[in-house]
């Protein structure tokens, strides 16, 4: 099942050549039903690959968090690792069990990264604050100020590390582009209209720029 971004609350379902929007069947000519059946088959073949990418993105985000924490301290690592692993398992299970596109499109993956950071940031920041206090007690005010500054920039540092890790997925994402183009061509050929009089537009394949393809 698709959840359409352009039309809030619009749920689109394809089943054996039939198309429905929010549970209401859309009348289609025979040619469109064949296109819908082909579209559904192609999407079903793609879903395991897309879900696997989403789960790998979660793993890479978790690894980036562990690396960042290790650069701060070993004292909080056990507790932090347990928290990160728990959250990662939950997110990967959510992706695996998802039945709509909202759980594994780009915005959802960004949200998963944000959830991982939000879970881990307080632990790492608290450890930096403790280190700053210990240094200040010893009279090293400059060192304490440096640790406090590092704590303030921790969120940005974590996000940057996660983004860098996720770059390793770019070749796999690029390999999905031919399939995305096929889907875009199929849906562009569908003549039937949705209840709001719009055309089916679930895949947005943008014009390549600077030698790169962008799909959304």
N, C-alpha and C. Protein backbone atom coordinates (compact mmCIF):
# COMPACT_ATOMS: atom_id res chain seq x y z
N UNK A 1 0.84 -1.19 0.00
CA UNK A 1 0.00 0.00 0.00
C UNK A 1 0.88 1.25 0.00
N UNK A 2 0.46 2.25 -0.80
CA UNK A 2 1.18 3.51 -0.86
C UNK A 2 0.45 4.57 -0.05
N UNK A 3 1.23 5.45 0.56
CA UNK A 3 0.65 6.63 1.20
C UNK A 3 1.19 7.83 0.45
N UNK A 4 0.32 8.54 -0.23
CA UNK A 4 0.73 9.57 -1.17
C UNK A 4 1.12 10.85 -0.44
N UNK A 5 2.32 11.35 -0.71
CA UNK A 5 2.81 12.55 -0.04
C UNK A 5 2.04 13.78 -0.49
N UNK A 6 1.79 13.87 -1.81
CA UNK A 6 1.18 15.08 -2.36
C UNK A 6 -0.26 15.29 -1.88
N UNK A 7 -0.94 14.22 -1.53
CA UNK A 7 -2.32 14.33 -1.05
C UNK A 7 -2.40 13.70 0.34
N UNK A 8 -2.43 14.54 1.35
CA UNK A 8 -2.37 14.06 2.73
C UNK A 8 -3.53 13.11 3.03
N UNK A 9 -3.19 11.98 3.65
CA UNK A 9 -4.21 11.02 4.05
C UNK A 9 -4.72 10.15 2.92
N UNK A 10 -4.10 10.21 1.76
CA UNK A 10 -4.55 9.42 0.63
C UNK A 10 -3.80 8.08 0.59
N UNK A 11 -4.55 7.00 0.76
CA UNK A 11 -3.96 5.66 0.76
C UNK A 11 -4.35 4.96 -0.54
N UNK A 12 -3.33 4.56 -1.28
CA UNK A 12 -3.55 3.95 -2.58
C UNK A 12 -3.14 2.49 -2.52
N UNK A 13 -4.06 1.62 -2.95
CA UNK A 13 -3.79 0.18 -2.91
C UNK A 13 -3.98 -0.42 -4.30
N UNK A 14 -3.04 -1.30 -4.66
CA UNK A 14 -3.13 -2.03 -5.92
C UNK A 14 -3.23 -3.52 -5.61
N UNK A 15 -4.14 -4.18 -6.29
CA UNK A 15 -4.30 -5.62 -6.06
C UNK A 15 -4.84 -6.29 -7.32
N UNK A 16 -3.96 -7.07 -7.97
CA UNK A 16 -4.34 -7.84 -9.15
C UNK A 16 -4.99 -6.98 -10.24
N UNK A 17 -4.37 -5.84 -10.49
CA UNK A 17 -4.87 -4.97 -11.54
C UNK A 17 -5.95 -4.01 -11.11
N UNK A 18 -6.39 -4.12 -9.87
CA UNK A 18 -7.41 -3.21 -9.35
C UNK A 18 -6.72 -2.09 -8.56
N UNK A 19 -7.29 -0.91 -8.63
CA UNK A 19 -6.75 0.26 -7.94
C UNK A 19 -7.83 0.84 -7.02
N UNK A 20 -7.45 1.10 -5.77
CA UNK A 20 -8.41 1.72 -4.85
C UNK A 20 -7.73 2.86 -4.11
N UNK A 21 -8.50 3.86 -3.76
CA UNK A 21 -8.02 5.02 -3.01
C UNK A 21 -8.87 5.16 -1.76
N UNK A 22 -8.22 5.05 -0.61
CA UNK A 22 -8.94 5.10 0.68
C UNK A 22 -10.08 4.09 0.71
N UNK A 23 -9.82 2.91 0.11
CA UNK A 23 -10.80 1.83 0.14
C UNK A 23 -11.84 1.87 -0.96
N UNK A 24 -11.89 2.93 -1.74
CA UNK A 24 -12.88 3.05 -2.81
C UNK A 24 -12.23 2.68 -4.14
N UNK A 25 -12.87 1.75 -4.87
CA UNK A 25 -12.33 1.30 -6.15
C UNK A 25 -12.35 2.42 -7.18
N UNK A 26 -11.29 2.44 -8.01
CA UNK A 26 -11.20 3.40 -9.11
C UNK A 26 -11.50 2.66 -10.40
N UNK A 27 -12.46 3.17 -11.17
CA UNK A 27 -12.81 2.53 -12.43
C UNK A 27 -11.71 2.78 -13.46
N UNK A 28 -11.24 1.69 -14.07
CA UNK A 28 -10.14 1.79 -15.02
C UNK A 28 -10.46 0.99 -16.28
N UNK A 29 -9.99 1.46 -17.44
CA UNK A 29 -10.13 0.65 -18.66
C UNK A 29 -9.18 -0.55 -18.61
N UNK A 30 -9.36 -1.49 -19.51
CA UNK A 30 -8.57 -2.73 -19.50
C UNK A 30 -7.07 -2.44 -19.59
N UNK A 31 -6.67 -1.51 -20.46
CA UNK A 31 -5.25 -1.21 -20.62
C UNK A 31 -4.64 -0.71 -19.30
N UNK A 32 -5.38 0.12 -18.58
CA UNK A 32 -4.88 0.62 -17.30
C UNK A 32 -4.80 -0.49 -16.27
N UNK A 33 -5.74 -1.40 -16.30
CA UNK A 33 -5.70 -2.52 -15.33
C UNK A 33 -4.46 -3.37 -15.56
N UNK A 34 -4.11 -3.56 -16.84
CA UNK A 34 -2.89 -4.32 -17.13
C UNK A 34 -1.65 -3.56 -16.65
N UNK A 35 -1.67 -2.26 -16.82
CA UNK A 35 -0.54 -1.45 -16.35
C UNK A 35 -0.44 -1.48 -14.82
N UNK A 36 -1.58 -1.43 -14.16
CA UNK A 36 -1.59 -1.49 -12.70
C UNK A 36 -1.05 -2.84 -12.22
N UNK A 37 -1.43 -3.92 -12.90
CA UNK A 37 -0.94 -5.26 -12.53
C UNK A 37 0.57 -5.33 -12.70
N UNK A 38 1.07 -4.77 -13.79
CA UNK A 38 2.52 -4.76 -14.03
C UNK A 38 3.23 -3.90 -13.00
N UNK A 39 2.65 -2.76 -12.69
CA UNK A 39 3.22 -1.84 -11.70
C UNK A 39 3.32 -2.54 -10.34
N UNK A 40 2.22 -3.19 -9.95
CA UNK A 40 2.19 -3.88 -8.66
C UNK A 40 3.27 -4.96 -8.59
N UNK A 41 3.41 -5.73 -9.67
CA UNK A 41 4.41 -6.81 -9.69
C UNK A 41 5.83 -6.25 -9.55
N UNK A 42 6.10 -5.15 -10.24
CA UNK A 42 7.43 -4.55 -10.16
C UNK A 42 7.71 -4.00 -8.76
N UNK A 43 6.70 -3.37 -8.16
CA UNK A 43 6.88 -2.83 -6.82
C UNK A 43 7.11 -3.95 -5.81
N UNK A 44 6.33 -5.00 -5.93
CA UNK A 44 6.50 -6.13 -4.99
C UNK A 44 7.90 -6.73 -5.09
N UNK A 45 8.46 -6.73 -6.29
CA UNK A 45 9.82 -7.24 -6.47
C UNK A 45 10.85 -6.30 -5.86
N UNK A 46 10.53 -5.00 -5.85
CA UNK A 46 11.46 -4.01 -5.31
C UNK A 46 11.43 -3.91 -3.79
N UNK A 47 10.29 -4.18 -3.20
CA UNK A 47 10.12 -3.94 -1.77
C UNK A 47 11.19 -4.61 -0.90
N UNK A 48 11.54 -5.89 -1.11
CA UNK A 48 12.59 -6.49 -0.27
C UNK A 48 13.91 -5.75 -0.36
N UNK A 49 14.27 -5.26 -1.56
CA UNK A 49 15.52 -4.53 -1.72
C UNK A 49 15.47 -3.20 -0.98
N UNK A 50 14.33 -2.52 -1.07
CA UNK A 50 14.20 -1.22 -0.41
C UNK A 50 14.20 -1.38 1.11
N UNK A 51 13.50 -2.40 1.59
CA UNK A 51 13.48 -2.65 3.04
C UNK A 51 14.88 -3.00 3.54
N UNK A 52 15.60 -3.80 2.77
CA UNK A 52 16.97 -4.16 3.17
C UNK A 52 17.85 -2.93 3.26
N UNK A 53 17.67 -2.00 2.32
CA UNK A 53 18.43 -0.75 2.36
C UNK A 53 18.08 0.06 3.61
N UNK A 54 16.80 0.11 3.95
CA UNK A 54 16.37 0.82 5.13
C UNK A 54 16.97 0.24 6.40
N UNK A 55 17.01 -1.09 6.47
CA UNK A 55 17.57 -1.74 7.64
C UNK A 55 19.08 -1.53 7.73
N UNK A 56 19.74 -1.53 6.59
CA UNK A 56 21.18 -1.25 6.58
C UNK A 56 21.46 0.18 7.02
N UNK A 57 20.56 1.09 6.62
CA UNK A 57 20.72 2.49 7.04
C UNK A 57 20.63 2.60 8.56
N UNK A 58 19.73 1.84 9.16
CA UNK A 58 19.62 1.83 10.62
C UNK A 58 20.91 1.29 11.25
N UNK A 59 21.44 0.19 10.70
CA UNK A 59 22.68 -0.39 11.22
C UNK A 59 23.84 0.60 11.12
N UNK A 60 23.93 1.31 9.99
CA UNK A 60 25.01 2.27 9.81
C UNK A 60 24.87 3.44 10.77
N UNK A 61 23.64 3.88 10.99
CA UNK A 61 23.41 4.95 11.95
C UNK A 61 23.81 4.54 13.36
N UNK A 62 23.46 3.31 13.73
CA UNK A 62 23.82 2.81 15.06
C UNK A 62 25.34 2.71 15.21
N UNK A 63 26.02 2.25 14.17
CA UNK A 63 27.49 2.15 14.22
C UNK A 63 28.12 3.53 14.37
N UNK A 64 27.57 4.52 13.67
CA UNK A 64 28.10 5.88 13.77
C UNK A 64 27.94 6.42 15.19
N UNK A 65 26.83 6.12 15.83
CA UNK A 65 26.61 6.57 17.20
C UNK A 65 27.60 5.92 18.16
N UNK A 66 27.85 4.64 17.97
CA UNK A 66 28.81 3.95 18.85
C UNK A 66 30.21 4.54 18.68
N UNK A 67 30.57 4.85 17.45
CA UNK A 67 31.89 5.44 17.19
C UNK A 67 32.02 6.80 17.89
N UNK A 68 30.98 7.62 17.76
CA UNK A 68 31.03 8.95 18.36
C UNK A 68 31.13 8.84 19.87
N UNK A 69 30.37 7.92 20.45
CA UNK A 69 30.40 7.75 21.90
C UNK A 69 31.76 7.26 22.37
N UNK A 70 32.38 6.36 21.58
CA UNK A 70 33.69 5.82 21.96
C UNK A 70 34.75 6.93 21.98
N UNK A 71 34.54 7.95 21.17
CA UNK A 71 35.48 9.08 21.16
C UNK A 71 35.34 9.95 22.39
N UNK A 72 34.22 9.79 23.09
CA UNK A 72 33.96 10.61 24.27
C UNK A 72 34.40 9.90 25.54
N UNK A 73 33.94 8.66 25.70
CA UNK A 73 34.23 7.94 26.94
C UNK A 73 33.92 6.46 26.80
N UNK A 74 34.55 5.66 27.64
CA UNK A 74 34.22 4.24 27.70
C UNK A 74 33.25 3.95 28.84
N UNK A 75 33.09 4.93 29.75
CA UNK A 75 32.28 4.68 30.94
C UNK A 75 30.81 4.47 30.61
N UNK A 76 30.32 5.24 29.65
CA UNK A 76 28.90 5.16 29.33
C UNK A 76 28.62 4.22 28.16
N UNK A 77 29.67 3.61 27.61
CA UNK A 77 29.51 2.85 26.37
C UNK A 77 28.56 1.66 26.52
N UNK A 78 28.64 0.94 27.65
CA UNK A 78 27.80 -0.24 27.80
C UNK A 78 26.33 0.13 27.82
N UNK A 79 25.98 1.14 28.59
CA UNK A 79 24.59 1.58 28.67
C UNK A 79 24.13 2.15 27.33
N UNK A 80 25.00 2.94 26.70
CA UNK A 80 24.64 3.53 25.42
C UNK A 80 24.47 2.46 24.36
N UNK A 81 25.39 1.50 24.30
CA UNK A 81 25.29 0.44 23.31
C UNK A 81 23.99 -0.34 23.46
N UNK A 82 23.60 -0.60 24.70
CA UNK A 82 22.35 -1.33 24.94
C UNK A 82 21.17 -0.52 24.43
N UNK A 83 21.20 0.78 24.68
CA UNK A 83 20.09 1.63 24.23
C UNK A 83 20.04 1.71 22.71
N UNK A 84 21.21 1.87 22.09
CA UNK A 84 21.26 1.96 20.63
C UNK A 84 20.80 0.66 19.99
N UNK A 85 21.25 -0.47 20.52
CA UNK A 85 20.86 -1.77 19.96
C UNK A 85 19.37 -1.99 20.09
N UNK A 86 18.79 -1.59 21.22
CA UNK A 86 17.36 -1.76 21.43
C UNK A 86 16.57 -0.93 20.43
N UNK A 87 16.98 0.32 20.26
CA UNK A 87 16.28 1.19 19.31
C UNK A 87 16.45 0.70 17.88
N UNK A 88 17.66 0.26 17.53
CA UNK A 88 17.91 -0.24 16.17
C UNK A 88 17.05 -1.46 15.87
N UNK A 89 16.95 -2.38 16.84
CA UNK A 89 16.10 -3.57 16.64
C UNK A 89 14.65 -3.17 16.40
N UNK A 90 14.18 -2.20 17.18
CA UNK A 90 12.80 -1.74 17.03
C UNK A 90 12.57 -1.12 15.66
N UNK A 91 13.49 -0.29 15.20
CA UNK A 91 13.34 0.36 13.91
C UNK A 91 13.41 -0.65 12.76
N UNK A 92 14.32 -1.60 12.85
CA UNK A 92 14.44 -2.61 11.79
C UNK A 92 13.21 -3.50 11.73
N UNK A 93 12.65 -3.81 12.90
CA UNK A 93 11.43 -4.62 12.93
C UNK A 93 10.26 -3.84 12.32
N UNK A 94 10.22 -2.53 12.59
CA UNK A 94 9.16 -1.69 12.03
C UNK A 94 9.24 -1.69 10.50
N UNK A 95 10.46 -1.60 9.99
CA UNK A 95 10.64 -1.64 8.53
C UNK A 95 10.24 -3.00 7.97
N UNK A 96 10.69 -4.06 8.62
CA UNK A 96 10.39 -5.42 8.14
C UNK A 96 8.90 -5.70 8.10
N UNK A 97 8.18 -5.20 9.09
CA UNK A 97 6.74 -5.49 9.20
C UNK A 97 5.86 -4.46 8.50
N UNK A 98 6.47 -3.46 7.88
CA UNK A 98 5.69 -2.38 7.29
C UNK A 98 4.87 -2.89 6.11
N UNK A 99 3.69 -2.32 5.96
CA UNK A 99 2.82 -2.67 4.83
C UNK A 99 2.51 -1.44 3.98
N UNK A 100 3.05 -0.29 4.35
CA UNK A 100 2.88 0.93 3.55
C UNK A 100 4.24 1.56 3.31
N UNK A 101 4.30 2.41 2.30
CA UNK A 101 5.58 3.03 1.93
C UNK A 101 6.07 4.02 2.97
N UNK A 102 5.21 4.47 3.88
CA UNK A 102 5.63 5.52 4.81
C UNK A 102 6.74 5.08 5.75
N UNK A 103 6.93 3.75 5.92
CA UNK A 103 7.94 3.26 6.86
C UNK A 103 9.32 3.15 6.25
N UNK A 104 9.45 3.29 4.92
CA UNK A 104 10.80 3.12 4.38
C UNK A 104 11.14 4.08 3.24
N UNK A 105 10.40 5.15 3.10
CA UNK A 105 10.85 6.16 2.15
C UNK A 105 11.81 7.11 2.85
N UNK A 106 12.37 8.06 2.08
CA UNK A 106 13.45 8.89 2.61
C UNK A 106 13.14 9.61 3.90
N UNK A 107 11.94 10.20 3.99
CA UNK A 107 11.58 10.94 5.20
C UNK A 107 11.56 10.05 6.43
N UNK A 108 11.11 8.80 6.24
CA UNK A 108 11.07 7.86 7.36
C UNK A 108 12.48 7.52 7.82
N UNK A 109 13.40 7.30 6.88
CA UNK A 109 14.77 6.97 7.25
C UNK A 109 15.44 8.14 7.97
N UNK A 110 15.13 9.36 7.55
CA UNK A 110 15.65 10.53 8.27
C UNK A 110 15.11 10.55 9.70
N UNK A 111 13.84 10.17 9.84
CA UNK A 111 13.23 10.14 11.17
C UNK A 111 13.88 9.08 12.05
N UNK A 112 14.21 7.93 11.46
CA UNK A 112 14.87 6.87 12.23
C UNK A 112 16.22 7.36 12.76
N UNK A 113 16.98 8.05 11.90
CA UNK A 113 18.27 8.58 12.33
C UNK A 113 18.08 9.56 13.48
N UNK A 114 17.05 10.40 13.35
CA UNK A 114 16.79 11.39 14.40
C UNK A 114 16.43 10.70 15.72
N UNK A 115 15.68 9.61 15.64
CA UNK A 115 15.30 8.87 16.85
C UNK A 115 16.52 8.24 17.51
N UNK A 116 17.42 7.71 16.70
CA UNK A 116 18.65 7.13 17.25
C UNK A 116 19.47 8.20 17.98
N UNK A 117 19.60 9.35 17.34
CA UNK A 117 20.37 10.44 17.95
C UNK A 117 19.70 10.91 19.24
N UNK A 118 18.37 11.09 19.20
CA UNK A 118 17.64 11.57 20.37
C UNK A 118 17.77 10.63 21.55
N UNK A 119 17.83 9.32 21.28
CA UNK A 119 17.99 8.33 22.35
C UNK A 119 19.38 8.38 22.97
N UNK A 120 20.38 8.62 22.15
CA UNK A 120 21.77 8.48 22.59
C UNK A 120 22.38 9.78 23.07
N UNK A 121 21.94 10.89 22.53
CA UNK A 121 22.55 12.18 22.84
C UNK A 121 22.60 12.50 24.33
N UNK A 122 21.52 12.28 25.09
CA UNK A 122 21.58 12.62 26.52
C UNK A 122 22.67 11.87 27.29
N UNK A 123 22.89 10.59 26.95
CA UNK A 123 23.92 9.81 27.64
C UNK A 123 25.31 10.37 27.37
N UNK A 124 25.59 10.63 26.10
CA UNK A 124 26.92 11.12 25.73
C UNK A 124 27.13 12.54 26.28
N UNK A 125 26.08 13.37 26.18
CA UNK A 125 26.20 14.74 26.68
C UNK A 125 26.41 14.75 28.20
N UNK A 126 25.73 13.85 28.90
CA UNK A 126 25.90 13.78 30.35
C UNK A 126 27.32 13.38 30.72
N UNK A 127 27.90 12.48 29.94
CA UNK A 127 29.28 12.06 30.20
C UNK A 127 30.25 13.22 29.96
N UNK A 128 30.02 13.99 28.90
CA UNK A 128 30.87 15.15 28.64
C UNK A 128 30.74 16.18 29.77
N UNK A 129 29.51 16.36 30.26
CA UNK A 129 29.30 17.30 31.36
C UNK A 129 30.04 16.85 32.61
N UNK A 130 30.04 15.53 32.86
CA UNK A 130 30.75 14.99 34.00
C UNK A 130 32.26 15.20 33.85
N UNK A 131 32.75 14.97 32.65
CA UNK A 131 34.18 15.19 32.40
C UNK A 131 34.53 16.67 32.59
N UNK A 132 33.66 17.56 32.14
CA UNK A 132 33.91 19.00 32.30
C UNK A 132 33.97 19.38 33.77
N UNK A 133 33.08 18.79 34.58
CA UNK A 133 33.07 19.07 36.01
C UNK A 133 34.36 18.59 36.67
N UNK A 134 34.79 17.38 36.31
CA UNK A 134 36.01 16.82 36.88
C UNK A 134 37.23 17.67 36.53
N UNK A 135 37.27 18.13 35.28
CA UNK A 135 38.39 18.96 34.84
C UNK A 135 38.36 20.32 35.55
N UNK A 136 37.15 20.88 35.71
CA UNK A 136 37.02 22.18 36.37
C UNK A 136 37.46 22.11 37.83
N UNK A 137 37.11 21.01 38.51
CA UNK A 137 37.49 20.83 39.91
C UNK A 137 39.00 20.81 40.05
N UNK A 138 39.69 20.32 39.04
CA UNK A 138 41.15 20.28 39.06
C UNK A 138 41.77 21.62 38.68
N UNK A 139 40.93 22.59 38.37
CA UNK A 139 41.44 23.92 38.05
C UNK A 139 41.65 24.19 36.58
N UNK A 140 41.35 23.23 35.73
CA UNK A 140 41.55 23.43 34.29
C UNK A 140 40.27 23.99 33.68
N UNK A 141 40.06 25.28 33.84
CA UNK A 141 38.84 25.92 33.36
C UNK A 141 38.76 25.95 31.84
N UNK A 142 39.92 26.09 31.20
CA UNK A 142 39.94 26.10 29.74
C UNK A 142 39.53 24.73 29.20
N UNK A 143 40.04 23.67 29.86
CA UNK A 143 39.66 22.32 29.45
C UNK A 143 38.19 22.07 29.66
N UNK A 144 37.64 22.56 30.79
CA UNK A 144 36.21 22.40 31.07
C UNK A 144 35.38 23.13 30.03
N UNK A 145 35.81 24.35 29.64
CA UNK A 145 35.08 25.12 28.63
C UNK A 145 35.09 24.41 27.28
N UNK A 146 36.23 23.77 26.96
CA UNK A 146 36.34 23.05 25.69
C UNK A 146 35.38 21.86 25.67
N UNK A 147 35.27 21.15 26.81
CA UNK A 147 34.35 20.02 26.89
C UNK A 147 32.90 20.48 26.79
N UNK A 148 32.59 21.60 27.41
CA UNK A 148 31.23 22.13 27.33
C UNK A 148 30.89 22.53 25.89
N UNK A 149 31.86 23.12 25.21
CA UNK A 149 31.65 23.49 23.81
C UNK A 149 31.43 22.24 22.96
N UNK A 150 32.18 21.19 23.26
CA UNK A 150 32.03 19.94 22.51
C UNK A 150 30.64 19.35 22.75
N UNK A 151 30.16 19.46 23.98
CA UNK A 151 28.83 18.94 24.30
C UNK A 151 27.76 19.68 23.52
N UNK A 152 27.93 21.00 23.38
CA UNK A 152 26.95 21.81 22.65
C UNK A 152 26.91 21.43 21.16
N UNK A 153 28.05 21.02 20.63
CA UNK A 153 28.10 20.67 19.21
C UNK A 153 27.91 19.19 18.94
N UNK A 154 27.55 18.44 19.97
CA UNK A 154 27.49 16.99 19.84
C UNK A 154 26.42 16.54 18.86
N UNK A 155 25.25 17.20 18.89
CA UNK A 155 24.17 16.81 17.98
C UNK A 155 24.59 16.93 16.53
N UNK A 156 25.20 18.06 16.18
CA UNK A 156 25.65 18.27 14.81
C UNK A 156 26.74 17.27 14.42
N UNK A 157 27.62 16.97 15.38
CA UNK A 157 28.69 16.01 15.11
C UNK A 157 28.13 14.61 14.85
N UNK A 158 27.14 14.21 15.64
CA UNK A 158 26.52 12.89 15.45
C UNK A 158 25.83 12.81 14.09
N UNK A 159 25.08 13.85 13.75
CA UNK A 159 24.36 13.84 12.48
C UNK A 159 25.33 13.80 11.30
N UNK A 160 26.43 14.54 11.40
CA UNK A 160 27.42 14.54 10.32
C UNK A 160 28.05 13.16 10.16
N UNK A 161 28.33 12.51 11.28
CA UNK A 161 28.93 11.17 11.22
C UNK A 161 27.96 10.17 10.59
N UNK A 162 26.68 10.28 10.94
CA UNK A 162 25.67 9.39 10.37
C UNK A 162 25.55 9.62 8.86
N UNK A 163 25.50 10.90 8.44
CA UNK A 163 25.39 11.20 7.01
C UNK A 163 26.58 10.63 6.25
N UNK A 164 27.76 10.74 6.83
CA UNK A 164 28.96 10.22 6.17
C UNK A 164 28.87 8.70 6.02
N UNK A 165 28.38 8.04 7.05
CA UNK A 165 28.21 6.58 6.98
C UNK A 165 27.21 6.18 5.90
N UNK A 166 26.12 6.92 5.81
CA UNK A 166 25.05 6.57 4.88
C UNK A 166 25.45 6.75 3.42
N UNK A 167 26.53 7.51 3.18
CA UNK A 167 27.00 7.67 1.81
C UNK A 167 27.37 6.34 1.17
N UNK A 168 27.74 5.36 2.00
CA UNK A 168 28.13 4.06 1.46
C UNK A 168 26.96 3.35 0.79
N UNK A 169 25.73 3.80 1.06
CA UNK A 169 24.55 3.17 0.45
C UNK A 169 24.22 3.76 -0.92
N UNK A 170 24.86 4.86 -1.28
CA UNK A 170 24.52 5.54 -2.52
C UNK A 170 24.60 4.65 -3.76
N UNK A 171 25.64 3.80 -3.91
CA UNK A 171 25.67 2.93 -5.10
C UNK A 171 24.47 1.99 -5.17
N UNK A 172 24.02 1.48 -4.03
CA UNK A 172 22.87 0.58 -4.02
C UNK A 172 21.59 1.34 -4.35
N UNK A 173 21.48 2.55 -3.85
CA UNK A 173 20.32 3.38 -4.19
C UNK A 173 20.30 3.66 -5.68
N UNK A 174 21.47 3.95 -6.24
CA UNK A 174 21.56 4.24 -7.67
C UNK A 174 21.13 3.04 -8.52
N UNK A 175 21.39 1.84 -8.01
CA UNK A 175 21.00 0.64 -8.77
C UNK A 175 19.48 0.45 -8.81
N UNK A 176 18.77 1.17 -7.96
CA UNK A 176 17.30 1.10 -8.00
C UNK A 176 16.71 2.04 -9.05
N UNK A 177 17.53 2.96 -9.56
CA UNK A 177 17.02 3.98 -10.47
C UNK A 177 16.38 3.42 -11.75
N UNK A 178 16.98 2.40 -12.41
CA UNK A 178 16.31 1.87 -13.60
C UNK A 178 14.90 1.35 -13.31
N UNK A 179 14.74 0.69 -12.18
CA UNK A 179 13.41 0.20 -11.81
C UNK A 179 12.45 1.35 -11.54
N UNK A 180 12.97 2.40 -10.91
CA UNK A 180 12.14 3.58 -10.64
C UNK A 180 11.69 4.23 -11.94
N UNK A 181 12.58 4.26 -12.93
CA UNK A 181 12.21 4.84 -14.22
C UNK A 181 11.12 4.02 -14.90
N UNK A 182 11.24 2.69 -14.80
CA UNK A 182 10.21 1.82 -15.38
C UNK A 182 8.85 2.08 -14.75
N UNK A 183 8.84 2.25 -13.44
CA UNK A 183 7.59 2.53 -12.74
C UNK A 183 7.03 3.89 -13.15
N UNK A 184 7.91 4.86 -13.30
CA UNK A 184 7.47 6.19 -13.70
C UNK A 184 6.84 6.17 -15.09
N UNK A 185 7.44 5.42 -16.00
CA UNK A 185 6.90 5.30 -17.36
C UNK A 185 5.54 4.61 -17.33
N UNK A 186 5.43 3.56 -16.52
CA UNK A 186 4.16 2.83 -16.42
C UNK A 186 3.04 3.74 -15.90
N UNK A 187 3.30 4.44 -14.80
CA UNK A 187 2.23 5.25 -14.22
C UNK A 187 1.90 6.45 -15.10
N UNK A 188 2.89 6.93 -15.86
CA UNK A 188 2.62 8.06 -16.77
C UNK A 188 1.68 7.64 -17.90
N UNK A 189 1.67 6.34 -18.22
CA UNK A 189 0.82 5.83 -19.30
C UNK A 189 -0.61 5.54 -18.84
N UNK A 190 -0.83 5.55 -17.53
CA UNK A 190 -2.17 5.27 -17.01
C UNK A 190 -3.08 6.47 -17.26
N UNK A 191 -4.19 6.23 -17.94
CA UNK A 191 -5.08 7.33 -18.34
C UNK A 191 -6.16 7.62 -17.30
N UNK A 192 -6.47 6.64 -16.47
CA UNK A 192 -7.53 6.82 -15.48
C UNK A 192 -7.18 7.89 -14.46
N UNK A 193 -8.20 8.50 -13.90
CA UNK A 193 -8.01 9.55 -12.91
C UNK A 193 -8.42 9.07 -11.52
N UNK A 194 -7.75 9.61 -10.53
CA UNK A 194 -8.09 9.31 -9.14
C UNK A 194 -9.33 10.12 -8.75
N UNK A 195 -9.94 9.81 -7.59
CA UNK A 195 -11.15 10.53 -7.18
C UNK A 195 -11.00 12.05 -7.14
N UNK A 196 -9.78 12.55 -6.88
CA UNK A 196 -9.60 14.00 -6.84
C UNK A 196 -9.25 14.58 -8.22
N UNK A 197 -9.44 13.72 -9.26
CA UNK A 197 -9.20 14.09 -10.66
C UNK A 197 -7.71 14.18 -11.02
N UNK A 198 -6.83 13.85 -10.09
CA UNK A 198 -5.40 13.86 -10.40
C UNK A 198 -5.01 12.53 -11.04
N UNK A 199 -3.83 12.51 -11.63
CA UNK A 199 -3.31 11.28 -12.21
C UNK A 199 -2.45 10.57 -11.17
N UNK A 200 -2.29 9.27 -11.34
CA UNK A 200 -1.44 8.50 -10.44
C UNK A 200 -0.01 9.01 -10.57
N UNK A 201 0.59 9.38 -9.43
CA UNK A 201 1.96 9.91 -9.47
C UNK A 201 2.66 9.52 -8.16
N UNK A 202 3.05 8.26 -8.07
CA UNK A 202 3.70 7.75 -6.87
C UNK A 202 5.21 7.82 -6.97
N UNK A 203 5.74 7.82 -8.19
CA UNK A 203 7.18 7.86 -8.41
C UNK A 203 7.53 9.15 -9.13
N UNK A 204 8.51 9.85 -8.59
CA UNK A 204 8.97 11.10 -9.20
C UNK A 204 10.43 10.91 -9.60
N UNK A 205 10.67 10.75 -10.90
CA UNK A 205 12.04 10.61 -11.41
C UNK A 205 12.45 11.93 -12.01
N UNK A 206 13.42 12.58 -11.38
CA UNK A 206 13.82 13.92 -11.80
C UNK A 206 14.93 13.86 -12.83
N UNK A 207 15.07 14.95 -13.55
CA UNK A 207 16.10 15.04 -14.60
C UNK A 207 17.48 14.92 -13.99
N UNK A 208 18.35 14.03 -14.51
CA UNK A 208 19.71 13.91 -13.97
C UNK A 208 20.46 15.23 -14.03
N UNK A 209 21.22 15.52 -12.98
CA UNK A 209 22.04 16.72 -12.94
C UNK A 209 23.46 16.35 -12.54
N UNK A 210 24.41 16.93 -13.24
CA UNK A 210 25.82 16.70 -12.94
C UNK A 210 26.15 15.21 -12.91
N UNK A 211 25.52 14.45 -13.83
CA UNK A 211 25.86 13.04 -13.95
C UNK A 211 25.21 12.16 -12.91
N UNK A 212 24.25 12.71 -12.13
CA UNK A 212 23.64 11.88 -11.09
C UNK A 212 22.14 11.84 -11.32
N UNK A 213 21.51 10.71 -10.94
CA UNK A 213 20.07 10.55 -11.04
C UNK A 213 19.48 10.80 -9.68
N UNK A 214 18.29 11.40 -9.66
CA UNK A 214 17.61 11.65 -8.41
C UNK A 214 16.20 11.09 -8.52
N UNK A 215 15.78 10.31 -7.59
CA UNK A 215 14.43 9.79 -7.57
C UNK A 215 13.80 10.16 -6.25
N UNK A 216 12.52 10.36 -6.26
CA UNK A 216 11.83 10.70 -5.04
C UNK A 216 10.45 10.11 -5.03
